[in-house]
């Protein structure tokens, strides 16, 4: 345990009231930020319906996921879907990753009532991808049964994520651009899904 104050500690002690007020304002800002993020995600969800896609989102995480109607169950739930998360600053959500993450998720593949498993589908999908796409989406944390393809947007720094949540239009544009990027996998996913057999 430290027995002395460092220079930053001494500065905080001298400006105690100001720092306390600033911390309270920061906490209030995080609360308002969630409302702004939720509004932006709702707008994106509405916009993607024009592309014949469905979407769900969680403003607290924050995350948004997309799926085609062909990928859903009779109950309109996604069996497979694209997910984008951690596009807000790290202070917004404790435990978030350093960069926004993009994943193709198959954790609910069993809902599609196929004879093959999610792992079978993930393996077949990865095998079908052109080399360049596989290299781009070959994340070290990929899991054949739940998340066979993924990538981190390492080009997005913390300052970029602050800018996104400060400007809802910029956040919406960022998400739509990532959706366009996801769609480069669309053909391979559909072709692989067609090779699966229904129970």
Protein backbone atom coordinates (compact mmCIF):
# COMPACT_ATOMS: atom_id res chain seq x y z
CA UNK A 1 0.00 0.00 0.00
CA UNK A 2 1.30 3.45 -0.94
CA UNK A 3 2.48 5.62 1.94
CA UNK A 4 2.81 8.85 -0.08
CA UNK A 5 0.71 10.85 -2.51
CA UNK A 6 1.95 11.26 -6.06
CA UNK A 7 1.67 14.51 -8.04
CA UNK A 8 -1.74 13.63 -9.50
CA UNK A 9 -3.07 12.76 -6.04
CA UNK A 10 -1.91 16.13 -4.70
CA UNK A 11 -3.54 17.96 -7.61
CA UNK A 12 -6.85 16.15 -6.92
CA UNK A 13 -6.64 16.94 -3.22
CA UNK A 14 -6.11 20.64 -3.96
CA UNK A 15 -9.10 20.67 -6.35
CA UNK A 16 -11.29 18.21 -4.50
CA UNK A 17 -14.63 19.98 -5.04
CA UNK A 18 -13.96 20.57 -8.75
CA UNK A 19 -12.92 16.96 -9.34
CA UNK A 20 -15.94 15.62 -7.47
CA UNK A 21 -18.27 17.83 -9.53
CA UNK A 22 -16.55 16.77 -12.74
CA UNK A 23 -16.93 13.09 -11.82
CA UNK A 24 -20.63 13.55 -11.10
CA UNK A 25 -21.08 15.33 -14.44
CA UNK A 26 -19.22 12.52 -16.20
CA UNK A 27 -21.53 9.91 -14.66
CA UNK A 28 -24.57 11.92 -15.77
CA UNK A 29 -23.10 12.16 -19.27
CA UNK A 30 -22.79 8.37 -19.47
CA UNK A 31 -26.49 8.09 -18.67
CA UNK A 32 -27.46 10.59 -21.39
CA UNK A 33 -25.08 8.86 -23.78
CA UNK A 34 -27.06 5.64 -23.47
CA UNK A 35 -30.21 7.48 -24.57
CA UNK A 36 -28.44 8.93 -27.61
CA UNK A 37 -26.98 5.53 -28.53
CA UNK A 38 -30.39 3.87 -28.19
CA UNK A 39 -31.98 6.45 -30.51
CA UNK A 40 -29.24 5.93 -33.11
CA UNK A 41 -29.61 2.14 -32.94
CA UNK A 42 -33.38 2.42 -33.33
CA UNK A 43 -32.92 4.55 -36.48
CA UNK A 44 -30.48 2.02 -37.94
CA UNK A 45 -32.88 -0.84 -37.16
CA UNK A 46 -35.63 0.96 -39.05
CA UNK A 47 -33.32 1.79 -41.97
CA UNK A 48 -32.11 -1.79 -42.50
CA UNK A 49 -35.67 -3.03 -42.85
CA UNK A 50 -35.60 -1.39 -46.31
CA UNK A 51 -32.87 -3.91 -47.18
CA UNK A 52 -35.17 -6.75 -46.15
CA UNK A 53 -33.15 -7.29 -42.98
CA UNK A 54 -34.28 -7.53 -39.38
CA UNK A 55 -32.31 -6.11 -36.45
CA UNK A 56 -32.13 -6.16 -32.69
CA UNK A 57 -29.99 -4.08 -30.36
CA UNK A 58 -28.85 -3.54 -26.79
CA UNK A 59 -27.97 0.06 -25.92
CA UNK A 60 -26.30 -0.94 -22.64
CA UNK A 61 -23.63 -3.24 -24.16
CA UNK A 62 -23.79 -1.55 -26.77
CA UNK A 63 -24.45 -3.97 -29.63
CA UNK A 64 -26.62 -4.46 -32.68
CA UNK A 65 -27.32 -7.60 -34.69
CA UNK A 66 -28.77 -8.18 -38.16
CA UNK A 67 -30.23 -11.14 -39.99
CA UNK A 68 -31.98 -12.00 -43.24
CA UNK A 69 -35.50 -13.38 -43.22
CA UNK A 70 -34.12 -16.64 -44.65
CA UNK A 71 -32.03 -17.02 -41.50
CA UNK A 72 -34.87 -16.89 -39.01
CA UNK A 73 -37.19 -19.43 -37.43
CA UNK A 74 -40.96 -19.60 -37.76
CA UNK A 75 -41.08 -17.48 -34.61
CA UNK A 76 -39.09 -14.78 -36.44
CA UNK A 77 -36.02 -15.37 -34.25
CA UNK A 78 -32.56 -15.44 -35.86
CA UNK A 79 -30.80 -18.79 -36.10
CA UNK A 80 -27.69 -17.12 -37.51
CA UNK A 81 -26.88 -13.41 -37.55
CA UNK A 82 -24.25 -10.68 -37.82
CA UNK A 83 -23.32 -8.85 -34.62
CA UNK A 84 -21.44 -5.58 -34.09
CA UNK A 85 -20.53 -4.50 -30.56
CA UNK A 86 -18.20 -2.33 -28.44
CA UNK A 87 -18.46 0.71 -30.72
CA UNK A 88 -18.74 3.09 -27.71
CA UNK A 89 -15.84 4.27 -25.49
CA UNK A 90 -14.58 1.81 -22.89
CA UNK A 91 -15.96 3.89 -19.99
CA UNK A 92 -19.46 3.53 -21.45
CA UNK A 93 -19.53 -0.19 -20.80
CA UNK A 94 -17.16 -1.80 -18.31
CA UNK A 95 -15.49 -4.89 -19.71
CA UNK A 96 -15.80 -3.78 -23.33
CA UNK A 97 -13.11 -4.57 -25.85
CA UNK A 98 -10.44 -2.19 -27.08
CA UNK A 99 -11.94 -1.95 -30.57
CA UNK A 100 -15.37 -2.47 -32.13
CA UNK A 101 -15.90 -6.17 -32.94
CA UNK A 102 -17.77 -7.78 -35.83
CA UNK A 103 -18.92 -11.41 -35.70
CA UNK A 104 -21.00 -13.86 -37.67
CA UNK A 105 -22.86 -15.76 -34.96
CA UNK A 106 -24.23 -19.30 -35.18
CA UNK A 107 -24.89 -19.97 -31.47
CA UNK A 108 -28.63 -20.43 -32.20
CA UNK A 109 -28.13 -22.54 -35.33
CA UNK A 110 -30.06 -25.44 -33.76
CA UNK A 111 -33.24 -23.32 -33.96
CA UNK A 112 -33.13 -23.71 -37.75
CA UNK A 113 -33.91 -27.43 -37.34
CA UNK A 114 -31.06 -28.72 -39.50
CA UNK A 115 -29.60 -32.22 -39.30
CA UNK A 116 -26.12 -30.71 -39.19
CA UNK A 117 -24.73 -28.97 -36.13
CA UNK A 118 -23.61 -25.37 -35.86
CA UNK A 119 -20.04 -26.64 -35.91
CA UNK A 120 -20.70 -28.51 -39.19
CA UNK A 121 -22.14 -25.34 -40.68
CA UNK A 122 -19.27 -23.18 -39.43
CA UNK A 123 -16.67 -25.56 -40.82
CA UNK A 124 -18.42 -25.77 -44.22
CA UNK A 125 -18.74 -21.98 -44.37
CA UNK A 126 -15.08 -21.35 -43.63
CA UNK A 127 -14.10 -23.94 -46.25
CA UNK A 128 -16.27 -22.21 -48.87
CA UNK A 129 -14.79 -18.74 -48.40
CA UNK A 130 -12.24 -17.34 -50.86
CA UNK A 131 -8.78 -17.11 -49.28
CA UNK A 132 -8.86 -13.29 -48.99
CA UNK A 133 -12.16 -13.28 -47.14
CA UNK A 134 -11.11 -16.07 -44.81
CA UNK A 135 -7.93 -14.17 -43.96
CA UNK A 136 -9.94 -11.02 -43.23
CA UNK A 137 -12.50 -12.80 -41.00
CA UNK A 138 -10.19 -15.35 -39.38
CA UNK A 139 -10.17 -14.06 -35.79
CA UNK A 140 -8.09 -15.97 -33.22
CA UNK A 141 -11.16 -16.30 -30.97
CA UNK A 142 -13.31 -17.86 -33.70
CA UNK A 143 -15.38 -20.82 -32.56
CA UNK A 144 -16.77 -23.15 -35.23
CA UNK A 145 -19.92 -23.94 -33.28
CA UNK A 146 -20.89 -20.41 -32.19
CA UNK A 147 -18.89 -17.68 -33.93
CA UNK A 148 -16.99 -19.07 -36.94
CA UNK A 149 -16.04 -15.70 -38.43
CA UNK A 150 -15.03 -12.43 -36.81
CA UNK A 151 -12.78 -9.43 -36.92
CA UNK A 152 -11.92 -6.41 -34.82
CA UNK A 153 -12.02 -2.90 -36.26
CA UNK A 154 -8.50 -2.09 -35.12
CA UNK A 155 -8.53 1.09 -37.18
CA UNK A 156 -11.10 2.56 -34.73
CA UNK A 157 -9.35 4.14 -31.76
CA UNK A 158 -10.88 5.31 -28.48
CA UNK A 159 -11.07 8.88 -29.77
CA UNK A 160 -13.01 7.62 -32.81
CA UNK A 161 -15.53 5.88 -30.56
CA UNK A 162 -15.99 9.07 -28.52
CA UNK A 163 -16.69 10.91 -31.77
CA UNK A 164 -19.27 8.29 -32.78
CA UNK A 165 -21.33 8.58 -29.59
CA UNK A 166 -21.06 12.38 -29.73
CA UNK A 167 -22.70 12.40 -33.18
CA UNK A 168 -25.66 10.02 -33.68
CA UNK A 169 -25.52 10.48 -37.47
CA UNK A 170 -21.85 9.45 -37.50
CA UNK A 171 -22.68 6.42 -35.35
CA UNK A 172 -25.48 5.41 -37.73
CA UNK A 173 -23.17 5.79 -40.73
CA UNK A 174 -20.47 3.72 -39.02
CA UNK A 175 -22.91 0.88 -38.31
CA UNK A 176 -24.31 0.87 -41.86
CA UNK A 177 -20.75 0.76 -43.25
CA UNK A 178 -20.01 -2.24 -41.06
CA UNK A 179 -23.24 -3.86 -42.25
CA UNK A 180 -22.08 -3.40 -45.85
CA UNK A 181 -18.84 -5.08 -44.84
CA UNK A 182 -20.74 -7.98 -43.27
CA UNK A 183 -22.67 -8.46 -46.49
CA UNK A 184 -19.54 -9.53 -48.34
CA UNK A 185 -20.10 -12.84 -46.51
CA UNK A 186 -23.77 -13.05 -47.48
CA UNK A 187 -23.44 -15.16 -50.63
CA UNK A 188 -21.18 -17.77 -49.03
CA UNK A 189 -23.49 -18.00 -46.02
CA UNK A 190 -26.58 -18.54 -48.18
CA UNK A 191 -24.87 -21.12 -50.38
CA UNK A 192 -23.60 -23.03 -47.36
CA UNK A 193 -27.01 -22.91 -45.69
CA UNK A 194 -28.63 -24.36 -48.80
CA UNK A 195 -26.34 -27.37 -48.53
CA UNK A 196 -27.63 -28.15 -45.05
CA UNK A 197 -30.54 -30.58 -44.69
CA UNK A 198 -33.74 -29.86 -42.74
CA UNK A 199 -34.91 -32.35 -40.16
